[in-house]
Amino acid sequence: MEYEHSFEQVQYLIDNGQNEEAENMLMTLQTHPDQAKWNYMMAVVSMNKGWLEYAAQYAEKAHELEPDNSMYSSYIETIRKQRSEANKNNNIKSAAGCCIDCADCCECLSSFS
């Protein structure tokens, strides 16, 4: 099937850290965004780019479409852990008096090293 071949190419790009290229290829397949595999791969790309909210949405859609696929439910848990860790780190920075979205955060955080 043509889409399976494309998904294999996307997986190759993801495995080689080429997330922009993988995302672009997935977008050309967007005629099938209701496929669980498409949503899962968009979740992986989003996660790799640090877009945790998008990753969660795509992973949940994949799981909704194929609820028996343990890989999809496992990935949702992975994203939840990453989001929890990111929230914990942001809370530490805030408590330390560092702004979270400013250009000076590197300088601020280096004072805690």
PDB file of N, CA and C in Angstrom:
ATOM      1  N   MET A   1       0.849  -1.182   0.000  1.00  0.00           N
ATOM      2  CA  MET A   1       0.000   0.000   0.000  1.00  0.00           C
ATOM      3  C   MET A   1       0.896   1.248   0.000  1.00  0.00           C
ATOM      4  N   GLU A   2       0.504   2.221  -0.764  1.00  0.00           N
ATOM      5  CA  GLU A   2       1.298   3.439  -0.914  1.00  0.00           C
ATOM      6  C   GLU A   2       1.539   4.140   0.428  1.00  0.00           C
ATOM      7  N   TYR A   3       0.525   4.195   1.266  1.00  0.00           N
ATOM      8  CA  TYR A   3       0.665   4.903   2.534  1.00  0.00           C
ATOM      9  C   TYR A   3       1.615   4.180   3.487  1.00  0.00           C
ATOM     10  N   GLU A   4       1.606   2.863   3.453  1.00  0.00           N
ATOM     11  CA  GLU A   4       2.528   2.106   4.300  1.00  0.00           C
ATOM     12  C   GLU A   4       3.972   2.412   3.932  1.00  0.00           C
ATOM     13  N   HIS A   5       4.249   2.493   2.637  1.00  0.00           N
ATOM     14  CA  HIS A   5       5.595   2.837   2.187  1.00  0.00           C
ATOM     15  C   HIS A   5       5.971   4.228   2.690  1.00  0.00           C
ATOM     16  N   SER A   6       5.052   5.154   2.607  1.00  0.00           N
ATOM     17  CA  SER A   6       5.308   6.511   3.091  1.00  0.00           C
ATOM     18  C   SER A   6       5.535   6.533   4.597  1.00  0.00           C
ATOM     19  N   PHE A   7       4.766   5.737   5.332  1.00  0.00           N
ATOM     20  CA  PHE A   7       4.958   5.668   6.776  1.00  0.00           C
ATOM     21  C   PHE A   7       6.325   5.093   7.118  1.00  0.00           C
ATOM     22  N   GLU A   8       6.786   4.149   6.327  1.00  0.00           N
ATOM     23  CA  GLU A   8       8.132   3.605   6.542  1.00  0.00           C
ATOM     24  C   GLU A   8       9.185   4.690   6.333  1.00  0.00           C
ATOM     25  N   GLN A   9       8.980   5.529   5.330  1.00  0.00           N
ATOM     26  CA  GLN A   9       9.907   6.634   5.081  1.00  0.00           C
ATOM     27  C   GLN A   9       9.871   7.634   6.232  1.00  0.00           C
ATOM     28  N   VAL A  10       8.686   7.920   6.729  1.00  0.00           N
ATOM     29  CA  VAL A  10       8.541   8.842   7.865  1.00  0.00           C
ATOM     30  C   VAL A  10       9.268   8.263   9.077  1.00  0.00           C
ATOM     31  N   GLN A  11       9.093   6.969   9.330  1.00  0.00           N
ATOM     32  CA  GLN A  11       9.763   6.338  10.472  1.00  0.00           C
ATOM     33  C   GLN A  11      11.272   6.428  10.328  1.00  0.00           C
ATOM     34  N   TYR A  12      11.777   6.239   9.124  1.00  0.00           N
ATOM     35  CA  TYR A  12      13.214   6.364   8.865  1.00  0.00           C
ATOM     36  C   TYR A  12      13.687   7.778   9.216  1.00  0.00           C
ATOM     37  N   LEU A  13      12.926   8.778   8.794  1.00  0.00           N
ATOM     38  CA  LEU A  13      13.301  10.169   9.084  1.00  0.00           C
ATOM     39  C   LEU A  13      13.289  10.436  10.589  1.00  0.00           C
ATOM     40  N   ILE A  14      12.268   9.942  11.266  1.00  0.00           N
ATOM     41  CA  ILE A  14      12.176  10.119  12.725  1.00  0.00           C
ATOM     42  C   ILE A  14      13.372   9.457  13.402  1.00  0.00           C
ATOM     43  N   ASP A  15      13.659   8.234  12.992  1.00  0.00           N
ATOM     44  CA  ASP A  15      14.772   7.490  13.595  1.00  0.00           C
ATOM     45  C   ASP A  15      16.109   8.183  13.400  1.00  0.00           C
ATOM     46  N   ASN A  16      16.216   8.986  12.363  1.00  0.00           N
ATOM     47  CA  ASN A  16      17.457   9.692  12.061  1.00  0.00           C
ATOM     48  C   ASN A  16      17.419  11.158  12.473  1.00  0.00           C
ATOM     49  N   GLY A  17      16.464  11.510  13.334  1.00  0.00           N
ATOM     50  CA  GLY A  17      16.403  12.858  13.883  1.00  0.00           C
ATOM     51  C   GLY A  17      15.985  13.922  12.896  1.00  0.00           C
ATOM     52  N   GLN A  18      15.387  13.538  11.799  1.00  0.00           N
ATOM     53  CA  GLN A  18      14.957  14.494  10.780  1.00  0.00           C
ATOM     54  C   GLN A  18      13.470  14.795  10.963  1.00  0.00           C
ATOM     55  N   ASN A  19      13.166  15.464  12.074  1.00  0.00           N
ATOM     56  CA  ASN A  19      11.772  15.688  12.445  1.00  0.00           C
ATOM     57  C   ASN A  19      11.044  16.646  11.508  1.00  0.00           C
ATOM     58  N   GLU A  20      11.726  17.669  11.037  1.00  0.00           N
ATOM     59  CA  GLU A  20      11.084  18.607  10.100  1.00  0.00           C
ATOM     60  C   GLU A  20      10.662  17.875   8.830  1.00  0.00           C
ATOM     61  N   GLU A  21      11.572  17.061   8.296  1.00  0.00           N
ATOM     62  CA  GLU A  21      11.281  16.319   7.079  1.00  0.00           C
ATOM     63  C   GLU A  21      10.154  15.311   7.307  1.00  0.00           C
ATOM     64  N   ALA A  22      10.181  14.658   8.471  1.00  0.00           N
ATOM     65  CA  ALA A  22       9.132  13.695   8.803  1.00  0.00           C
ATOM     66  C   ALA A  22       7.774  14.397   8.895  1.00  0.00           C
ATOM     67  N   GLU A  23       7.762  15.550   9.549  1.00  0.00           N
ATOM     68  CA  GLU A  23       6.508  16.307   9.664  1.00  0.00           C
ATOM     69  C   GLU A  23       6.008  16.727   8.286  1.00  0.00           C
ATOM     70  N   ASN A  24       6.908  17.215   7.450  1.00  0.00           N
ATOM     71  CA  ASN A  24       6.505  17.629   6.106  1.00  0.00           C
ATOM     72  C   ASN A  24       5.928  16.465   5.318  1.00  0.00           C
ATOM     73  N   MET A  25       6.548  15.298   5.431  1.00  0.00           N
ATOM     74  CA  MET A  25       6.046  14.132   4.715  1.00  0.00           C
ATOM     75  C   MET A  25       4.672  13.728   5.253  1.00  0.00           C
ATOM     76  N   LEU A  26       4.503  13.780   6.560  1.00  0.00           N
ATOM     77  CA  LEU A  26       3.206  13.456   7.136  1.00  0.00           C
ATOM     78  C   LEU A  26       2.131  14.432   6.664  1.00  0.00           C
ATOM     79  N   MET A  27       2.504  15.680   6.536  1.00  0.00           N
ATOM     80  CA  MET A  27       1.534  16.676   6.094  1.00  0.00           C
ATOM     81  C   MET A  27       1.072  16.399   4.655  1.00  0.00           C
ATOM     82  N   THR A  28       1.931  15.806   3.845  1.00  0.00           N
ATOM     83  CA  THR A  28       1.504  15.451   2.493  1.00  0.00           C
ATOM     84  C   THR A  28       0.517  14.291   2.527  1.00  0.00           C
ATOM     85  N   LEU A  29       0.517  13.536   3.616  1.00  0.00           N
ATOM     86  CA  LEU A  29      -0.419  12.422   3.789  1.00  0.00           C
ATOM     87  C   LEU A  29      -1.655  12.839   4.569  1.00  0.00           C
ATOM     88  N   GLN A  30      -1.836  14.128   4.742  1.00  0.00           N
ATOM     89  CA  GLN A  30      -2.893  14.617   5.619  1.00  0.00           C
ATOM     90  C   GLN A  30      -4.294  14.279   5.117  1.00  0.00           C
ATOM     91  N   THR A  31      -4.390  13.713   3.931  1.00  0.00           N
ATOM     92  CA  THR A  31      -5.702  13.274   3.467  1.00  0.00           C
ATOM     93  C   THR A  31      -6.230  12.135   4.326  1.00  0.00           C
ATOM     94  N   HIS A  32      -5.349  11.569   5.173  1.00  0.00           N
ATOM     95  CA  HIS A  32      -5.751  10.481   6.051  1.00  0.00           C
ATOM     96  C   HIS A  32      -5.422  10.773   7.521  1.00  0.00           C
ATOM     97  N   PRO A  33      -5.814  11.951   8.025  1.00  0.00           N
ATOM     98  CA  PRO A  33      -5.494  12.242   9.428  1.00  0.00           C
ATOM     99  C   PRO A  33      -6.320  11.418  10.413  1.00  0.00           C
ATOM    100  N   ASP A  34      -7.282  10.658   9.894  1.00  0.00           N
ATOM    101  CA  ASP A  34      -8.061   9.810  10.785  1.00  0.00           C
ATOM    102  C   ASP A  34      -7.467   8.420  10.915  1.00  0.00           C
ATOM    103  N   GLN A  35      -6.261   8.237  10.408  1.00  0.00           N
ATOM    104  CA  GLN A  35      -5.554   6.978  10.609  1.00  0.00           C
ATOM    105  C   GLN A  35      -4.799   7.054  11.925  1.00  0.00           C
ATOM    106  N   ALA A  36      -4.879   6.002  12.685  1.00  0.00           N
ATOM    107  CA  ALA A  36      -4.188   5.965  13.974  1.00  0.00           C
ATOM    108  C   ALA A  36      -2.680   6.105  13.794  1.00  0.00           C
ATOM    109  N   LYS A  37      -2.131   5.437  12.800  1.00  0.00           N
ATOM    110  CA  LYS A  37      -0.682   5.477  12.589  1.00  0.00           C
ATOM    111  C   LYS A  37      -0.212   6.893  12.264  1.00  0.00           C
ATOM    112  N   TRP A  38      -0.973   7.614  11.454  1.00  0.00           N
ATOM    113  CA  TRP A  38      -0.640   9.001  11.110  1.00  0.00           C
ATOM    114  C   TRP A  38      -0.584   9.840  12.386  1.00  0.00           C
ATOM    115  N   ASN A  39      -1.603   9.710  13.223  1.00  0.00           N
ATOM    116  CA  ASN A  39      -1.658  10.478  14.468  1.00  0.00           C
ATOM    117  C   ASN A  39      -0.529  10.093  15.414  1.00  0.00           C
ATOM    118  N   TYR A  40      -0.218   8.809  15.480  1.00  0.00           N
ATOM    119  CA  TYR A  40       0.879   8.371  16.339  1.00  0.00           C
ATOM    120  C   TYR A  40       2.200   8.991  15.874  1.00  0.00           C
ATOM    121  N   MET A  41       2.434   8.950  14.571  1.00  0.00           N
ATOM    122  CA  MET A  41       3.692   9.493  14.057  1.00  0.00           C
ATOM    123  C   MET A  41       3.761  11.010  14.251  1.00  0.00           C
ATOM    124  N   MET A  42       2.634  11.699  14.123  1.00  0.00           N
ATOM    125  CA  MET A  42       2.623  13.132  14.404  1.00  0.00           C
ATOM    126  C   MET A  42       2.884  13.376  15.893  1.00  0.00           C
ATOM    127  N   ALA A  43       2.416  12.472  16.747  1.00  0.00           N
ATOM    128  CA  ALA A  43       2.694  12.588  18.182  1.00  0.00           C
ATOM    129  C   ALA A  43       4.189  12.460  18.442  1.00  0.00           C
ATOM    130  N   VAL A  44       4.824  11.503  17.793  1.00  0.00           N
ATOM    131  CA  VAL A  44       6.264  11.295  17.982  1.00  0.00           C
ATOM    132  C   VAL A  44       7.047  12.512  17.496  1.00  0.00           C
ATOM    133  N   VAL A  45       6.707  13.007  16.325  1.00  0.00           N
ATOM    134  CA  VAL A  45       7.393  14.194  15.783  1.00  0.00           C
ATOM    135  C   VAL A  45       7.187  15.385  16.714  1.00  0.00           C
ATOM    136  N   SER A  46       5.957  15.579  17.160  1.00  0.00           N
ATOM    137  CA  SER A  46       5.663  16.698  18.060  1.00  0.00           C
ATOM    138  C   SER A  46       6.443  16.592  19.364  1.00  0.00           C
ATOM    139  N   MET A  47       6.504  15.386  19.901  1.00  0.00           N
ATOM    140  CA  MET A  47       7.255  15.150  21.137  1.00  0.00           C
ATOM    141  C   MET A  47       8.731  15.455  20.920  1.00  0.00           C
ATOM    142  N   ASN A  48       9.276  14.995  19.800  1.00  0.00           N
ATOM    143  CA  ASN A  48      10.684  15.241  19.505  1.00  0.00           C
ATOM    144  C   ASN A  48      10.992  16.724  19.367  1.00  0.00           C
ATOM    145  N   LYS A  49      10.004  17.492  18.956  1.00  0.00           N
ATOM    146  CA  LYS A  49      10.181  18.935  18.795  1.00  0.00           C
ATOM    147  C   LYS A  49       9.879  19.687  20.100  1.00  0.00           C
ATOM    148  N   GLY A  50       9.458  18.959  21.128  1.00  0.00           N
ATOM    149  CA  GLY A  50       9.157  19.585  22.413  1.00  0.00           C
ATOM    150  C   GLY A  50       7.752  20.148  22.505  1.00  0.00           C
ATOM    151  N   TRP A  51       6.910  19.807  21.574  1.00  0.00           N
ATOM    152  CA  TRP A  51       5.527  20.292  21.558  1.00  0.00           C
ATOM    153  C   TRP A  51       4.643  19.272  22.276  1.00  0.00           C
ATOM    154  N   LEU A  52       4.692  19.287  23.585  1.00  0.00           N
ATOM    155  CA  LEU A  52       4.043  18.248  24.381  1.00  0.00           C
ATOM    156  C   LEU A  52       2.521  18.264  24.276  1.00  0.00           C
ATOM    157  N   GLU A  53       1.927  19.444  24.184  1.00  0.00           N
ATOM    158  CA  GLU A  53       0.465  19.517  24.086  1.00  0.00           C
ATOM    159  C   GLU A  53      -0.022  18.890  22.778  1.00  0.00           C
ATOM    160  N   TYR A  54       0.652  19.234  21.683  1.00  0.00           N
ATOM    161  CA  TYR A  54       0.283  18.631  20.396  1.00  0.00           C
ATOM    162  C   TYR A  54       0.531  17.130  20.416  1.00  0.00           C
ATOM    163  N   ALA A  55       1.648  16.736  20.982  1.00  0.00           N
ATOM    164  CA  ALA A  55       1.967  15.308  21.067  1.00  0.00           C
ATOM    165  C   ALA A  55       0.852  14.562  21.794  1.00  0.00           C
ATOM    166  N   ALA A  56       0.387  15.131  22.890  1.00  0.00           N
ATOM    167  CA  ALA A  56      -0.686  14.492  23.658  1.00  0.00           C
ATOM    168  C   ALA A  56      -1.965  14.387  22.834  1.00  0.00           C
ATOM    169  N   GLN A  57      -2.302  15.438  22.117  1.00  0.00           N
ATOM    170  CA  GLN A  57      -3.525  15.418  21.302  1.00  0.00           C
ATOM    171  C   GLN A  57      -3.443  14.348  20.215  1.00  0.00           C
ATOM    172  N   TYR A  58      -2.316  14.292  19.515  1.00  0.00           N
ATOM    173  CA  TYR A  58      -2.162  13.294  18.459  1.00  0.00           C
ATOM    174  C   TYR A  58      -2.157  11.882  19.021  1.00  0.00           C
ATOM    175  N   ALA A  59      -1.469  11.665  20.137  1.00  0.00           N
ATOM    176  CA  ALA A  59      -1.409  10.331  20.736  1.00  0.00           C
ATOM    177  C   ALA A  59      -2.783   9.880  21.219  1.00  0.00           C
ATOM    178  N   GLU A  60      -3.530  10.796  21.797  1.00  0.00           N
ATOM    179  CA  GLU A  60      -4.873  10.452  22.268  1.00  0.00           C
ATOM    180  C   GLU A  60      -5.794  10.119  21.096  1.00  0.00           C
ATOM    181  N   LYS A  61      -5.635  10.837  19.989  1.00  0.00           N
ATOM    182  CA  LYS A  61      -6.440  10.543  18.791  1.00  0.00           C
ATOM    183  C   LYS A  61      -6.075   9.154  18.252  1.00  0.00           C
ATOM    184  N   ALA A  62      -4.783   8.837  18.210  1.00  0.00           N
ATOM    185  CA  ALA A  62      -4.358   7.511  17.742  1.00  0.00           C
ATOM    186  C   ALA A  62      -4.960   6.421  18.627  1.00  0.00           C
ATOM    187  N   HIS A  63      -4.915   6.645  19.929  1.00  0.00           N
ATOM    188  CA  HIS A  63      -5.459   5.668  20.885  1.00  0.00           C
ATOM    189  C   HIS A  63      -6.978   5.551  20.729  1.00  0.00           C
ATOM    190  N   GLU A  64      -7.634   6.666  20.482  1.00  0.00           N
ATOM    191  CA  GLU A  64      -9.085   6.662  20.272  1.00  0.00           C
ATOM    192  C   GLU A  64      -9.450   5.830  19.037  1.00  0.00           C
ATOM    193  N   LEU A  65      -8.647   5.961  17.979  1.00  0.00           N
ATOM    194  CA  LEU A  65      -8.909   5.242  16.735  1.00  0.00           C
ATOM    195  C   LEU A  65      -8.577   3.757  16.835  1.00  0.00           C
ATOM    196  N   GLU A  66      -7.561   3.423  17.634  1.00  0.00           N
ATOM    197  CA  GLU A  66      -7.165   2.025  17.827  1.00  0.00           C
ATOM    198  C   GLU A  66      -6.915   1.773  19.319  1.00  0.00           C
ATOM    199  N   PRO A  67      -7.986   1.679  20.099  1.00  0.00           N
ATOM    200  CA  PRO A  67      -7.835   1.561  21.552  1.00  0.00           C
ATOM    201  C   PRO A  67      -7.102   0.302  22.018  1.00  0.00           C
ATOM    202  N   ASP A  68      -7.031  -0.720  21.183  1.00  0.00           N
ATOM    203  CA  ASP A  68      -6.359  -1.955  21.577  1.00  0.00           C
ATOM    204  C   ASP A  68      -4.865  -1.952  21.277  1.00  0.00           C
ATOM    205  N   ASN A  69      -4.371  -0.882  20.687  1.00  0.00           N
ATOM    206  CA  ASN A  69      -2.952  -0.813  20.340  1.00  0.00           C
ATOM    207  C   ASN A  69      -2.173  -0.343  21.569  1.00  0.00           C
ATOM    208  N   SER A  70      -1.437  -1.249  22.168  1.00  0.00           N
ATOM    209  CA  SER A  70      -0.720  -0.934  23.411  1.00  0.00           C
ATOM    210  C   SER A  70       0.402   0.079  23.185  1.00  0.00           C
ATOM    211  N   MET A  71       0.940   0.132  21.978  1.00  0.00           N
ATOM    212  CA  MET A  71       2.002   1.100  21.689  1.00  0.00           C
ATOM    213  C   MET A  71       1.459   2.533  21.827  1.00  0.00           C
ATOM    214  N   TYR A  72       0.231   2.747  21.387  1.00  0.00           N
ATOM    215  CA  TYR A  72      -0.354   4.085  21.460  1.00  0.00           C
ATOM    216  C   TYR A  72      -0.650   4.470  22.912  1.00  0.00           C
ATOM    217  N   SER A  73      -1.216   3.552  23.671  1.00  0.00           N
ATOM    218  CA  SER A  73      -1.516   3.869  25.075  1.00  0.00           C
ATOM    219  C   SER A  73      -0.231   4.052  25.871  1.00  0.00           C
ATOM    220  N   SER A  74       0.795   3.292  25.539  1.00  0.00           N
ATOM    221  CA  SER A  74       2.086   3.447  26.208  1.00  0.00           C
ATOM    222  C   SER A  74       2.695   4.816  25.906  1.00  0.00           C
ATOM    223  N   TYR A  75       2.535   5.262  24.671  1.00  0.00           N
ATOM    224  CA  TYR A  75       3.110   6.556  24.299  1.00  0.00           C
ATOM    225  C   TYR A  75       2.392   7.704  25.009  1.00  0.00           C
ATOM    226  N   ILE A  76       1.100   7.548  25.237  1.00  0.00           N
ATOM    227  CA  ILE A  76       0.363   8.559  26.006  1.00  0.00           C
ATOM    228  C   ILE A  76       0.979   8.680  27.398  1.00  0.00           C
ATOM    229  N   GLU A  77       1.307   7.561  27.999  1.00  0.00           N
ATOM    230  CA  GLU A  77       1.931   7.579  29.332  1.00  0.00           C
ATOM    231  C   GLU A  77       3.304   8.246  29.284  1.00  0.00           C
ATOM    232  N   THR A  78       4.071   7.989  28.235  1.00  0.00           N
ATOM    233  CA  THR A  78       5.377   8.626  28.067  1.00  0.00           C
ATOM    234  C   THR A  78       5.219  10.145  27.994  1.00  0.00           C
ATOM    235  N   ILE A  79       4.246  10.593  27.244  1.00  0.00           N
ATOM    236  CA  ILE A  79       3.999  12.037  27.117  1.00  0.00           C
ATOM    237  C   ILE A  79       3.583  12.625  28.456  1.00  0.00           C
ATOM    238  N   ARG A  80       2.731  11.928  29.170  1.00  0.00           N
ATOM    239  CA  ARG A  80       2.298  12.417  30.496  1.00  0.00           C
ATOM    240  C   ARG A  80       3.489  12.594  31.438  1.00  0.00           C
ATOM    241  N   LYS A  81       4.405  11.643  31.389  1.00  0.00           N
ATOM    242  CA  LYS A  81       5.599  11.743  32.239  1.00  0.00           C
ATOM    243  C   LYS A  81       6.445  12.945  31.840  1.00  0.00           C
ATOM    244  N   GLN A  82       6.613  13.160  30.536  1.00  0.00           N
ATOM    245  CA  GLN A  82       7.383  14.315  30.058  1.00  0.00           C
ATOM    246  C   GLN A  82       6.723  15.621  30.470  1.00  0.00           C
ATOM    247  N   ARG A  83       5.407  15.685  30.341  1.00  0.00           N
ATOM    248  CA  ARG A  83       4.682  16.901  30.720  1.00  0.00           C
ATOM    249  C   ARG A  83       4.819  17.154  32.220  1.00  0.00           C
ATOM    250  N   SER A  84       4.732  16.092  33.000  1.00  0.00           N
ATOM    251  CA  SER A  84       4.874  16.225  34.443  1.00  0.00           C
ATOM    252  C   SER A  84       6.266  16.740  34.804  1.00  0.00           C
ATOM    253  N   GLU A  85       7.279  16.178  34.159  1.00  0.00           N
ATOM    254  CA  GLU A  85       8.665  16.602  34.391  1.00  0.00           C
ATOM    255  C   GLU A  85       8.867  18.060  33.970  1.00  0.00           C
ATOM    256  N   ALA A  86       8.296  18.430  32.826  1.00  0.00           N
ATOM    257  CA  ALA A  86       8.420  19.812  32.351  1.00  0.00           C
ATOM    258  C   ALA A  86       7.739  20.772  33.324  1.00  0.00           C
ATOM    259  N   ASN A  87       6.565  20.395  33.819  1.00  0.00           N
ATOM    260  CA  ASN A  87       5.861  21.241  34.782  1.00  0.00           C
ATOM    261  C   ASN A  87       6.658  21.371  36.073  1.00  0.00           C
ATOM    262  N   LYS A  88       7.245  20.267  36.522  1.00  0.00           N
ATOM    263  CA  LYS A  88       8.050  20.288  37.742  1.00  0.00           C
ATOM    264  C   LYS A  88       9.249  21.224  37.562  1.00  0.00           C
ATOM    265  N   ASN A  89       9.928  21.123  36.420  1.00  0.00           N
ATOM    266  CA  ASN A  89      11.080  21.992  36.155  1.00  0.00           C
ATOM    267  C   ASN A  89      10.676  23.454  36.072  1.00  0.00           C
ATOM    268  N   ASN A  90       9.541  23.737  35.460  1.00  0.00           N
ATOM    269  CA  ASN A  90       9.073  25.118  35.377  1.00  0.00           C
ATOM    270  C   ASN A  90       8.731  25.667  36.751  1.00  0.00           C
ATOM    271  N   ASN A  91       8.160  24.824  37.612  1.00  0.00           N
ATOM    272  CA  ASN A  91       7.844  25.267  38.969  1.00  0.00           C
ATOM    273  C   ASN A  91       9.113  25.571  39.761  1.00  0.00           C
ATOM    274  N   ILE A  92      10.158  24.778  39.566  1.00  0.00           N
ATOM    275  CA  ILE A  92      11.437  25.026  40.250  1.00  0.00           C
ATOM    276  C   ILE A  92      12.016  26.350  39.790  1.00  0.00           C
ATOM    277  N   LYS A  93      11.999  26.599  38.489  1.00  0.00           N
ATOM    278  CA  LYS A  93      12.523  27.857  37.954  1.00  0.00           C
ATOM    279  C   LYS A  93      11.743  29.043  38.499  1.00  0.00           C
ATOM    280  N   SER A  94      10.424  28.917  38.532  1.00  0.00           N
ATOM    281  CA  SER A  94       9.593  30.008  39.033  1.00  0.00           C
ATOM    282  C   SER A  94       9.868  30.267  40.508  1.00  0.00           C
ATOM    283  N   ALA A  95       9.976  29.202  41.272  1.00  0.00           N
ATOM    284  CA  ALA A  95      10.223  29.354  42.700  1.00  0.00           C
ATOM    285  C   ALA A  95      11.590  29.980  42.960  1.00  0.00           C
ATOM    286  N   ALA A  96      12.514  29.761  42.040  1.00  0.00           N
ATOM    287  CA  ALA A  96      13.855  30.310  42.200  1.00  0.00           C
ATOM    288  C   ALA A  96      13.943  31.764  41.745  1.00  0.00           C
ATOM    289  N   GLY A  97      12.835  32.302  41.248  1.00  0.00           N
ATOM    290  CA  GLY A  97      12.821  33.686  40.811  1.00  0.00           C
ATOM    291  C   GLY A  97      13.217  33.871  39.365  1.00  0.00           C
ATOM    292  N   CYS A  98      13.340  32.802  38.620  1.00  0.00           N
ATOM    293  CA  CYS A  98      13.679  32.905  37.199  1.00  0.00           C
ATOM    294  C   CYS A  98      12.396  33.034  36.389  1.00  0.00           C
ATOM    295  N   CYS A  99      12.486  33.860  35.390  1.00  0.00           N
ATOM    296  CA  CYS A  99      11.372  33.897  34.463  1.00  0.00           C
ATOM    297  C   CYS A  99      11.486  32.672  33.566  1.00  0.00           C
ATOM    298  N   ILE A 100      10.391  32.176  33.082  1.00  0.00           N
ATOM    299  CA  ILE A 100      10.404  30.928  32.334  1.00  0.00           C
ATOM    300  C   ILE A 100      10.586  31.165  30.838  1.00  0.00           C
ATOM    301  N   ASP A 101      10.082  32.245  30.312  1.00  0.00           N
ATOM    302  CA  ASP A 101      10.100  32.448  28.870  1.00  0.00           C
ATOM    303  C   ASP A 101      11.052  33.546  28.422  1.00  0.00           C
ATOM    304  N   CYS A 102      11.963  33.954  29.241  1.00  0.00           N
ATOM    305  CA  CYS A 102      12.819  35.073  28.854  1.00  0.00           C
ATOM    306  C   CYS A 102      14.157  34.611  28.290  1.00  0.00           C
ATOM    307  N   ALA A 103      14.830  35.490  27.646  1.00  0.00           N
ATOM    308  CA  ALA A 103      16.132  35.169  27.054  1.00  0.00           C
ATOM    309  C   ALA A 103      17.221  35.050  28.109  1.00  0.00           C
ATOM    310  N   ASP A 104      16.982  35.524  29.315  1.00  0.00           N
ATOM    311  CA  ASP A 104      17.979  35.487  30.366  1.00  0.00           C
ATOM    312  C   ASP A 104      17.949  34.219  31.208  1.00  0.00           C
ATOM    313  N   CYS A 105      17.084  33.292  30.855  1.00  0.00           N
ATOM    314  CA  CYS A 105      16.939  32.087  31.683  1.00  0.00           C
ATOM    315  C   CYS A 105      18.225  31.281  31.758  1.00  0.00           C
ATOM    316  N   CYS A 106      18.962  31.199  30.674  1.00  0.00           N
ATOM    317  CA  CYS A 106      20.217  30.434  30.727  1.00  0.00           C
ATOM    318  C   CYS A 106      21.153  31.012  31.770  1.00  0.00           C
ATOM    319  N   GLU A 107      21.233  32.317  31.778  1.00  0.00           N
ATOM    320  CA  GLU A 107      22.107  32.984  32.761  1.00  0.00           C
ATOM    321  C   GLU A 107      21.567  32.752  34.167  1.00  0.00           C
ATOM    322  N   CYS A 108      20.253  32.864  34.300  1.00  0.00           N
ATOM    323  CA  CYS A 108      19.625  32.674  35.597  1.00  0.00           C
ATOM    324  C   CYS A 108      19.834  31.247  36.080  1.00  0.00           C
ATOM    325  N   LEU A 109      19.591  30.270  35.215  1.00  0.00           N
ATOM    326  CA  LEU A 109      19.690  28.874  35.611  1.00  0.00           C
ATOM    327  C   LEU A 109      21.130  28.456  35.888  1.00  0.00           C
ATOM    328  N   SER A 110      22.084  29.099  35.225  1.00  0.00           N
ATOM    329  CA  SER A 110      23.480  28.725  35.454  1.00  0.00           C
ATOM    330  C   SER A 110      23.895  29.049  36.885  1.00  0.00           C
ATOM    331  N   SER A 111      23.176  29.948  37.524  1.00  0.00           N
ATOM    332  CA  SER A 111      23.518  30.285  38.894  1.00  0.00           C
ATOM    333  C   SER A 111      23.140  29.162  39.874  1.00  0.00           C
ATOM    334  N   PHE A 112      22.319  28.181  39.389  1.00  0.00           N
ATOM    335  CA  PHE A 112      21.921  27.082  40.233  1.00  0.00           C
ATOM    336  C   PHE A 112      22.766  25.838  40.013  1.00  0.00           C
ATOM    337  N   SER A 113      23.681  25.899  39.052  1.00  0.00           N
ATOM    338  CA  SER A 113      24.512  24.726  38.725  1.00  0.00           C
ATOM    339  C   SER A 113      25.607  24.525  39.730  1.00  0.00           C
TER     340      SER A 113
END
